[in-house]
Amino acid sequence: MGFEQLNDTGWAKTYLIWDEATKEAALVDPVYDHQQSYLDLIENKGLTLVYAMATHTHADHITACFELKKNTGCEYVMWHATACLGVTKYVDDLDTLQMGEITFTFHHAPGHTNDSVLIATDSHVMTGDFLFTGKGGVGRDDLPSGRMHVHWQALQVLDRLSGHLVVCTGHDPPGTEMMTLNWNQEHNPVLKMRSYEEYEAWQIEVSSGLGAVSKIKTAVPANLFAEIPEYIPWLDGQE
């Protein structure tokens, strides 16, 4: 299995996974801003994109999934109850998709959003904003469809997963080394908490320190309606 983390700039993470024999490829959480670089890389590697997957409805960037679907004919994959339009392949809890010798298994993990899923292979698990690396904890629960208590309860889904899986997050500071789930069980403060009250206090403190999400008014409508707006402020250097 080929695996590469893309996006050299910014905190958003995108993952390219491909089967060495069939040359079929999947992108997890592709960002619209970098779409052409993904297509160039896929062409240079001699791959065919068959899946563009979103772990959840993003509030801080526009997904490239619906544009990749239009431009390549790949399937756009999301949780079956998502509100996002343009999806062509819906998945339920514990559903699998096959790509050559690679099996993707989907685990519903709501809380950050109600349509959040973990996407696991035999070696990696893409967690979106449900789980971050080490002291990063988890994603904030004060954005559209986020629910703190649901997120806390859904952390139990991690018990299904093998500890050797490398946790590949949707956001982390540039240069962050992705670590295994076993490592995160020891070093992620949220995974060491024993009560919802402790988690709630942590979420409130962290979210208040992060402030508003500057791209949300553009990103959320674009992702829900599968439409690229005529004007994207941050591409012109404006927020």
C-alpha atoms as a PDB file:
ATOM      1  CA  MET A   1       0.000   0.000   0.000  1.00  0.00           C
ATOM      2  CA  GLY A   2       1.251   3.454  -0.887  1.00  0.00           C
ATOM      3  CA  PHE A   3       0.554   6.222   1.609  1.00  0.00           C
ATOM      4  CA  GLU A   4       1.471   9.902   1.573  1.00  0.00           C
ATOM      5  CA  GLN A   5       0.418  12.931   3.614  1.00  0.00           C
ATOM      6  CA  LEU A   6      -0.051  15.943   1.352  1.00  0.00           C
ATOM      7  CA  ASN A   7      -0.396  19.731   1.879  1.00  0.00           C
ATOM      8  CA  ASP A   8       3.010  21.153   2.770  1.00  0.00           C
ATOM      9  CA  THR A   9       1.495  24.374   4.102  1.00  0.00           C
ATOM     10  CA  GLY A  10      -1.214  25.015   6.685  1.00  0.00           C
ATOM     11  CA  TRP A  11      -2.687  22.757   9.328  1.00  0.00           C
ATOM     12  CA  ALA A  12      -5.171  20.834   7.156  1.00  0.00           C
ATOM     13  CA  LYS A  13      -4.069  17.299   6.330  1.00  0.00           C
ATOM     14  CA  THR A  14      -4.898  15.344   3.181  1.00  0.00           C
ATOM     15  CA  TYR A  15      -3.924  11.722   2.635  1.00  0.00           C
ATOM     16  CA  LEU A  16      -3.244   9.895  -0.627  1.00  0.00           C
ATOM     17  CA  ILE A  17      -3.559   6.109  -0.439  1.00  0.00           C
ATOM     18  CA  TRP A  18      -2.977   3.828  -3.402  1.00  0.00           C
ATOM     19  CA  ASP A  19      -2.826   0.147  -4.282  1.00  0.00           C
ATOM     20  CA  GLU A  20       0.538  -0.764  -5.771  1.00  0.00           C
ATOM     21  CA  ALA A  21      -0.854  -3.451  -8.071  1.00  0.00           C
ATOM     22  CA  THR A  22      -3.975  -1.814  -9.511  1.00  0.00           C
ATOM     23  CA  LYS A  23      -2.694   1.784  -9.284  1.00  0.00           C
ATOM     24  CA  GLU A  24      -6.088   2.802  -7.910  1.00  0.00           C
ATOM     25  CA  ALA A  25      -5.990   5.714  -5.472  1.00  0.00           C
ATOM     26  CA  ALA A  26      -8.073   7.456  -2.826  1.00  0.00           C
ATOM     27  CA  LEU A  27      -7.806  10.938  -1.349  1.00  0.00           C
ATOM     28  CA  VAL A  28      -9.014  11.517   2.211  1.00  0.00           C
ATOM     29  CA  ASP A  29     -10.041  15.071   3.122  1.00  0.00           C
ATOM     30  CA  PRO A  30      -8.748  16.818  -0.010  1.00  0.00           C
ATOM     31  CA  VAL A  31      -8.728  20.632   0.173  1.00  0.00           C
ATOM     32  CA  TYR A  32     -10.091  22.637  -2.764  1.00  0.00           C
ATOM     33  CA  ASP A  33      -7.178  25.092  -2.660  1.00  0.00           C
ATOM     34  CA  HIS A  34      -4.695  22.272  -3.482  1.00  0.00           C
ATOM     35  CA  GLN A  35      -6.798  20.329  -5.989  1.00  0.00           C
ATOM     36  CA  GLN A  36      -4.484  20.829  -8.964  1.00  0.00           C
ATOM     37  CA  SER A  37      -1.434  19.677  -7.027  1.00  0.00           C
ATOM     38  CA  TYR A  38      -3.288  16.460  -6.128  1.00  0.00           C
ATOM     39  CA  LEU A  39      -4.207  15.827  -9.755  1.00  0.00           C
ATOM     40  CA  ASP A  40      -0.634  16.489 -10.891  1.00  0.00           C
ATOM     41  CA  LEU A  41       0.756  14.115  -8.257  1.00  0.00           C
ATOM     42  CA  ILE A  42      -1.723  11.381  -9.149  1.00  0.00           C
ATOM     43  CA  GLU A  43      -0.838  11.721 -12.833  1.00  0.00           C
ATOM     44  CA  ASN A  44       2.892  11.693 -12.103  1.00  0.00           C
ATOM     45  CA  LYS A  45       2.518   8.492 -10.089  1.00  0.00           C
ATOM     46  CA  GLY A  46       0.473   6.855 -12.836  1.00  0.00           C
ATOM     47  CA  LEU A  47      -2.545   6.427 -10.561  1.00  0.00           C
ATOM     48  CA  THR A  48      -6.287   6.521 -11.147  1.00  0.00           C
ATOM     49  CA  LEU A  49      -8.383   8.305  -8.518  1.00  0.00           C
ATOM     50  CA  VAL A  50     -11.376   6.137  -7.599  1.00  0.00           C
ATOM     51  CA  TYR A  51     -12.419   7.620  -4.231  1.00  0.00           C
ATOM     52  CA  ALA A  52     -12.492  11.133  -2.754  1.00  0.00           C
ATOM     53  CA  MET A  53     -13.481  10.753   0.904  1.00  0.00           C
ATOM     54  CA  ALA A  54     -14.486  13.364   3.473  1.00  0.00           C
ATOM     55  CA  THR A  55     -14.290  12.400   7.142  1.00  0.00           C
ATOM     56  CA  HIS A  56     -16.892  15.086   7.967  1.00  0.00           C
ATOM     57  CA  THR A  57     -18.391  18.403   6.888  1.00  0.00           C
ATOM     58  CA  HIS A  58     -15.490  20.816   7.164  1.00  0.00           C
ATOM     59  CA  ALA A  59     -15.976  24.299   8.583  1.00  0.00           C
ATOM     60  CA  ASP A  60     -12.489  25.665   7.961  1.00  0.00           C
ATOM     61  CA  HIS A  61     -11.881  24.822   4.321  1.00  0.00           C
ATOM     62  CA  ILE A  62     -13.754  23.889   1.163  1.00  0.00           C
ATOM     63  CA  THR A  63     -13.548  20.215   0.354  1.00  0.00           C
ATOM     64  CA  ALA A  64     -12.220  19.236  -3.056  1.00  0.00           C
ATOM     65  CA  CYS A  65     -14.364  16.082  -3.111  1.00  0.00           C
ATOM     66  CA  PHE A  66     -17.205  17.331  -5.306  1.00  0.00           C
ATOM     67  CA  GLU A  67     -14.842  19.029  -7.781  1.00  0.00           C
ATOM     68  CA  LEU A  68     -12.676  15.903  -7.982  1.00  0.00           C
ATOM     69  CA  LYS A  69     -15.801  13.864  -8.658  1.00  0.00           C
ATOM     70  CA  LYS A  70     -16.741  16.175 -11.538  1.00  0.00           C
ATOM     71  CA  ASN A  71     -13.232  16.308 -12.967  1.00  0.00           C
ATOM     72  CA  THR A  72     -12.183  12.665 -12.627  1.00  0.00           C
ATOM     73  CA  GLY A  73     -15.378  10.622 -12.280  1.00  0.00           C
ATOM     74  CA  CYS A  74     -14.296   9.247  -8.888  1.00  0.00           C
ATOM     75  CA  GLU A  75     -16.794   8.427  -6.148  1.00  0.00           C
ATOM     76  CA  TYR A  76     -17.418  11.069  -3.469  1.00  0.00           C
ATOM     77  CA  VAL A  77     -17.688   9.156  -0.185  1.00  0.00           C
ATOM     78  CA  MET A  78     -19.306  10.353   3.062  1.00  0.00           C
ATOM     79  CA  TRP A  79     -21.421   9.187   6.009  1.00  0.00           C
ATOM     80  CA  HIS A  80     -24.923   8.192   4.876  1.00  0.00           C
ATOM     81  CA  ALA A  81     -26.756  10.846   6.937  1.00  0.00           C
ATOM     82  CA  THR A  82     -24.576  13.800   5.956  1.00  0.00           C
ATOM     83  CA  ALA A  83     -26.341  16.955   4.828  1.00  0.00           C
ATOM     84  CA  CYS A  84     -23.733  17.520   2.117  1.00  0.00           C
ATOM     85  CA  LEU A  85     -24.908  17.381  -1.469  1.00  0.00           C
ATOM     86  CA  GLY A  86     -22.940  15.857  -4.312  1.00  0.00           C
ATOM     87  CA  VAL A  87     -22.053  12.652  -2.475  1.00  0.00           C
ATOM     88  CA  THR A  88     -22.200   9.575  -4.724  1.00  0.00           C
ATOM     89  CA  LYS A  89     -21.204   6.819  -2.276  1.00  0.00           C
ATOM     90  CA  TYR A  90     -22.756   6.765   1.188  1.00  0.00           C
ATOM     91  CA  VAL A  91     -21.338   4.600   3.974  1.00  0.00           C
ATOM     92  CA  ASP A  92     -22.771   3.308   7.235  1.00  0.00           C
ATOM     93  CA  ASP A  93     -21.048   2.216  10.434  1.00  0.00           C
ATOM     94  CA  LEU A  94     -18.655  -0.702   9.783  1.00  0.00           C
ATOM     95  CA  ASP A  95     -19.185  -0.550   6.024  1.00  0.00           C
ATOM     96  CA  THR A  96     -16.138  -1.388   3.923  1.00  0.00           C
ATOM     97  CA  LEU A  97     -14.869  -0.332   0.513  1.00  0.00           C
ATOM     98  CA  GLN A  98     -12.315  -2.337  -1.405  1.00  0.00           C
ATOM     99  CA  MET A  99      -9.570  -0.817  -3.549  1.00  0.00           C
ATOM    100  CA  GLY A 100      -7.287  -3.522  -4.878  1.00  0.00           C
ATOM    101  CA  GLU A 101      -5.822  -5.217  -1.806  1.00  0.00           C
ATOM    102  CA  ILE A 102      -6.739  -2.289   0.467  1.00  0.00           C
ATOM    103  CA  THR A 103      -9.858  -2.425   2.613  1.00  0.00           C
ATOM    104  CA  PHE A 104     -11.277   0.815   3.996  1.00  0.00           C
ATOM    105  CA  THR A 105     -13.501   0.358   7.070  1.00  0.00           C
ATOM    106  CA  PHE A 106     -15.737   3.204   8.249  1.00  0.00           C
ATOM    107  CA  HIS A 107     -16.571   3.888  11.892  1.00  0.00           C
ATOM    108  CA  HIS A 108     -19.181   6.481  12.793  1.00  0.00           C
ATOM    109  CA  ALA A 109     -17.582   8.851  15.311  1.00  0.00           C
ATOM    110  CA  PRO A 110     -19.874  11.863  15.830  1.00  0.00           C
ATOM    111  CA  GLY A 111     -19.364  14.790  18.157  1.00  0.00           C
ATOM    112  CA  HIS A 112     -17.184  17.253  16.292  1.00  0.00           C
ATOM    113  CA  THR A 113     -19.896  16.962  13.626  1.00  0.00           C
ATOM    114  CA  ASN A 114     -22.791  14.534  13.400  1.00  0.00           C
ATOM    115  CA  ASP A 115     -21.470  13.048  10.131  1.00  0.00           C
ATOM    116  CA  SER A 116     -17.928  12.365  11.314  1.00  0.00           C
ATOM    117  CA  VAL A 117     -16.359   8.998  10.473  1.00  0.00           C
ATOM    118  CA  LEU A 118     -13.027   7.318  11.058  1.00  0.00           C
ATOM    119  CA  ILE A 119     -11.551   5.654   7.968  1.00  0.00           C
ATOM    120  CA  ALA A 120      -9.316   2.707   8.793  1.00  0.00           C
ATOM    121  CA  THR A 121      -6.977   0.528   6.753  1.00  0.00           C
ATOM    122  CA  ASP A 122      -4.789  -2.285   8.060  1.00  0.00           C
ATOM    123  CA  SER A 123      -2.071   0.218   8.987  1.00  0.00           C
ATOM    124  CA  HIS A 124      -3.606   3.693   9.366  1.00  0.00           C
ATOM    125  CA  VAL A 125      -6.760   5.366  10.643  1.00  0.00           C
ATOM    126  CA  MET A 126      -7.819   8.756   9.313  1.00  0.00           C
ATOM    127  CA  THR A 127      -9.603  10.504  12.168  1.00  0.00           C
ATOM    128  CA  GLY A 128     -10.521  13.885  10.706  1.00  0.00           C
ATOM    129  CA  ASP A 129     -11.159  16.272  13.614  1.00  0.00           C
ATOM    130  CA  PHE A 130     -12.501  13.572  15.935  1.00  0.00           C
ATOM    131  CA  LEU A 131      -9.029  12.869  17.356  1.00  0.00           C
ATOM    132  CA  PHE A 132      -5.781  14.844  17.137  1.00  0.00           C
ATOM    133  CA  THR A 133      -2.204  13.897  18.001  1.00  0.00           C
ATOM    134  CA  GLY A 134      -1.046  13.870  21.623  1.00  0.00           C
ATOM    135  CA  LYS A 135      -1.689  17.121  23.488  1.00  0.00           C
ATOM    136  CA  GLY A 136      -3.876  18.324  20.593  1.00  0.00           C
ATOM    137  CA  GLY A 137      -6.663  16.259  22.123  1.00  0.00           C
ATOM    138  CA  VAL A 138      -9.706  16.330  19.861  1.00  0.00           C
ATOM    139  CA  GLY A 139     -11.520  18.769  17.601  1.00  0.00           C
ATOM    140  CA  ARG A 140     -13.759  21.466  19.021  1.00  0.00           C
ATOM    141  CA  ASP A 141     -17.455  20.724  19.492  1.00  0.00           C
ATOM    142  CA  ASP A 142     -18.869  24.254  19.215  1.00  0.00           C
ATOM    143  CA  LEU A 143     -19.222  24.329  15.414  1.00  0.00           C
ATOM    144  CA  PRO A 144     -22.286  23.352  13.295  1.00  0.00           C
ATOM    145  CA  SER A 145     -23.756  19.981  14.408  1.00  0.00           C
ATOM    146  CA  GLY A 146     -21.081  19.577  17.105  1.00  0.00           C
ATOM    147  CA  ARG A 147     -22.179  18.018  20.411  1.00  0.00           C
ATOM    148  CA  MET A 148     -19.831  17.665  23.394  1.00  0.00           C
ATOM    149  CA  HIS A 149     -21.622  14.813  25.135  1.00  0.00           C
ATOM    150  CA  VAL A 150     -21.936  12.884  21.866  1.00  0.00           C
ATOM    151  CA  HIS A 151     -18.207  13.305  21.202  1.00  0.00           C
ATOM    152  CA  TRP A 152     -17.343  12.095  24.693  1.00  0.00           C
ATOM    153  CA  GLN A 153     -19.500   8.994  24.312  1.00  0.00           C
ATOM    154  CA  ALA A 154     -18.238   8.298  20.788  1.00  0.00           C
ATOM    155  CA  LEU A 155     -14.631   8.047  21.982  1.00  0.00           C
ATOM    156  CA  GLN A 156     -15.541   4.448  22.815  1.00  0.00           C
ATOM    157  CA  VAL A 157     -15.382   3.669  19.087  1.00  0.00           C
ATOM    158  CA  LEU A 158     -11.589   3.740  19.413  1.00  0.00           C
ATOM    159  CA  ASP A 159     -11.834   0.506  21.411  1.00  0.00           C
ATOM    160  CA  ARG A 160     -12.686  -1.251  18.155  1.00  0.00           C
ATOM    161  CA  LEU A 161      -9.351  -0.339  16.600  1.00  0.00           C
ATOM    162  CA  SER A 162      -5.976  -2.018  16.853  1.00  0.00           C
ATOM    163  CA  GLY A 163      -3.418  -0.023  18.817  1.00  0.00           C
ATOM    164  CA  HIS A 164      -0.787  -0.368  16.073  1.00  0.00           C
ATOM    165  CA  LEU A 165      -2.747   1.836  13.651  1.00  0.00           C
ATOM    166  CA  VAL A 166      -1.097   5.174  12.895  1.00  0.00           C
ATOM    167  CA  VAL A 167      -3.523   7.988  13.735  1.00  0.00           C
ATOM    168  CA  CYS A 168      -3.654  10.370  10.768  1.00  0.00           C
ATOM    169  CA  THR A 169      -5.505  13.498  11.796  1.00  0.00           C
ATOM    170  CA  GLY A 170      -7.379  16.172   9.875  1.00  0.00           C
ATOM    171  CA  HIS A 171      -5.416  18.976  11.526  1.00  0.00           C
ATOM    172  CA  ASP A 172      -2.151  19.293  13.402  1.00  0.00           C
ATOM    173  CA  PRO A 173       0.729  21.771  13.318  1.00  0.00           C
ATOM    174  CA  PRO A 174       3.052  21.460  10.299  1.00  0.00           C
ATOM    175  CA  GLY A 175       5.764  18.910  10.961  1.00  0.00           C
ATOM    176  CA  THR A 176       3.717  16.900  13.470  1.00  0.00           C
ATOM    177  CA  GLU A 177       4.705  13.232  13.426  1.00  0.00           C
ATOM    178  CA  MET A 178       1.674  10.994  13.304  1.00  0.00           C
ATOM    179  CA  MET A 179       1.774   8.384  16.055  1.00  0.00           C
ATOM    180  CA  THR A 180      -0.021   5.114  16.766  1.00  0.00           C
ATOM    181  CA  LEU A 181      -3.290   4.792  18.643  1.00  0.00           C
ATOM    182  CA  ASN A 182      -1.414   3.065  21.491  1.00  0.00           C
ATOM    183  CA  TRP A 183       0.887   6.089  21.757  1.00  0.00           C
ATOM    184  CA  ASN A 184      -2.085   8.428  21.802  1.00  0.00           C
ATOM    185  CA  GLN A 185      -3.776   6.426  24.539  1.00  0.00           C
ATOM    186  CA  GLU A 186      -0.768   7.337  26.684  1.00  0.00           C
ATOM    187  CA  HIS A 187      -0.126  10.906  25.521  1.00  0.00           C
ATOM    188  CA  ASN A 188      -3.464  12.378  24.429  1.00  0.00           C
ATOM    189  CA  PRO A 189      -5.017  14.124  27.464  1.00  0.00           C
ATOM    190  CA  VAL A 190      -8.592  13.525  26.312  1.00  0.00           C
ATOM    191  CA  LEU A 191      -8.061   9.764  26.085  1.00  0.00           C
ATOM    192  CA  LYS A 192      -6.852   9.758  29.692  1.00  0.00           C
ATOM    193  CA  MET A 193      -9.968  11.520  31.042  1.00  0.00           C
ATOM    194  CA  ARG A 194     -12.365   9.578  33.219  1.00  0.00           C
ATOM    195  CA  SER A 195     -15.487  11.783  33.338  1.00  0.00           C
ATOM    196  CA  TYR A 196     -17.634  13.835  31.009  1.00  0.00           C
ATOM    197  CA  GLU A 197     -17.311  16.816  33.363  1.00  0.00           C
ATOM    198  CA  GLU A 198     -13.540  16.784  32.859  1.00  0.00           C
ATOM    199  CA  TYR A 199     -13.990  16.613  29.099  1.00  0.00           C
ATOM    200  CA  GLU A 200     -16.573  19.405  29.082  1.00  0.00           C
ATOM    201  CA  ALA A 201     -14.283  21.734  31.026  1.00  0.00           C
ATOM    202  CA  TRP A 202     -11.413  20.965  28.626  1.00  0.00           C
ATOM    203  CA  GLN A 203     -13.587  21.638  25.553  1.00  0.00           C
ATOM    204  CA  ILE A 204     -14.847  24.962  26.921  1.00  0.00           C
ATOM    205  CA  GLU A 205     -11.337  26.136  27.749  1.00  0.00           C
ATOM    206  CA  VAL A 206      -9.840  25.092  24.418  1.00  0.00           C
ATOM    207  CA  SER A 207     -12.686  26.419  22.266  1.00  0.00           C
ATOM    208  CA  SER A 208     -12.686  29.794  23.990  1.00  0.00           C
ATOM    209  CA  GLY A 209      -8.984  30.127  23.278  1.00  0.00           C
ATOM    210  CA  LEU A 210      -9.393  29.297  19.583  1.00  0.00           C
ATOM    211  CA  GLY A 211     -11.995  31.965  18.866  1.00  0.00           C
ATOM    212  CA  ALA A 212     -14.053  32.208  15.672  1.00  0.00           C
ATOM    213  CA  VAL A 213     -13.389  30.163  12.538  1.00  0.00           C
ATOM    214  CA  SER A 214     -12.705  32.807   9.897  1.00  0.00           C
ATOM    215  CA  LYS A 215     -13.546  30.640   6.865  1.00  0.00           C
ATOM    216  CA  ILE A 216     -16.797  29.150   8.167  1.00  0.00           C
ATOM    217  CA  LYS A 217     -19.209  31.496   6.365  1.00  0.00           C
ATOM    218  CA  THR A 218     -17.714  30.510   3.020  1.00  0.00           C
ATOM    219  CA  ALA A 219     -16.674  26.907   3.675  1.00  0.00           C
ATOM    220  CA  VAL A 220     -19.824  25.465   5.246  1.00  0.00           C
ATOM    221  CA  PRO A 221     -22.294  26.600   2.532  1.00  0.00           C
ATOM    222  CA  ALA A 222     -19.869  25.493  -0.177  1.00  0.00           C
ATOM    223  CA  ASN A 223     -19.505  22.049   1.383  1.00  0.00           C
ATOM    224  CA  LEU A 224     -23.218  21.613   2.074  1.00  0.00           C
ATOM    225  CA  PHE A 225     -24.375  22.646  -1.392  1.00  0.00           C
ATOM    226  CA  ALA A 226     -21.395  21.291  -3.380  1.00  0.00           C
ATOM    227  CA  GLU A 227     -20.837  24.623  -5.066  1.00  0.00           C
ATOM    228  CA  ILE A 228     -17.687  26.672  -5.390  1.00  0.00           C
ATOM    229  CA  PRO A 229     -18.503  30.312  -4.601  1.00  0.00           C
ATOM    230  CA  GLU A 230     -17.589  33.020  -7.083  1.00  0.00           C
ATOM    231  CA  TYR A 231     -15.363  34.666  -4.486  1.00  0.00           C
ATOM    232  CA  ILE A 232     -13.161  32.820  -1.991  1.00  0.00           C
ATOM    233  CA  PRO A 233     -11.655  35.438   0.347  1.00  0.00           C
ATOM    234  CA  TRP A 234      -8.538  33.560   1.471  1.00  0.00           C
ATOM    235  CA  LEU A 235      -7.443  32.779  -2.088  1.00  0.00           C
ATOM    236  CA  ASP A 236      -7.142  36.538  -2.573  1.00  0.00           C
ATOM    237  CA  GLY A 237      -5.274  36.905   0.694  1.00  0.00           C
ATOM    238  CA  GLN A 238      -8.392  38.161   2.489  1.00  0.00           C
ATOM    239  CA  GLU A 239     -10.071  36.473   5.477  1.00  0.00           C
END
